[in-house]
Amino acid sequence: MVYIAHLPSVAALSAGAVGELEENFDEVAEELRAACAEQLRGVAVDWRFEWRQGAIVEELIAAAQDIHVAEPQVVAVIVVGASSLVAHRVVGSVAVGLARHSPVPLLVVP
């Protein structure tokens, strides 16, 4: 499981805002890690949780490539949700960016 903390460019203007967002990212990451552990309890599958910060598409691709380098026998698959925003259909979304650039299998969940 990979959580990408994306820092909006507007927030980069204020050092205080950046610090507050980074604290929130830590809290969100811990909540997500706990939720993943709960959902996967009793499931016989190896998993790990990591969080990265940066551009979402690039970081998801980098995470998948890191998995392949570390464990060449493992097939990394990126699973993302489709955006429900109409504007994303015009200007693009994470799912669209991944569909265009992902070197690994991609599953977009509606």
Foldseek 3Di string as FASTA:
>chain_A
DEAEQEDDPVQVVDPVSVVVSVVVVVVVQVVVQVVVCVVCVPPPDDDDYDYYYDDVLVVVLVVQVVCCVVPVVDADEAEEEDDPDPVCVVVNDSLRSCVVDHPGHYHYHD
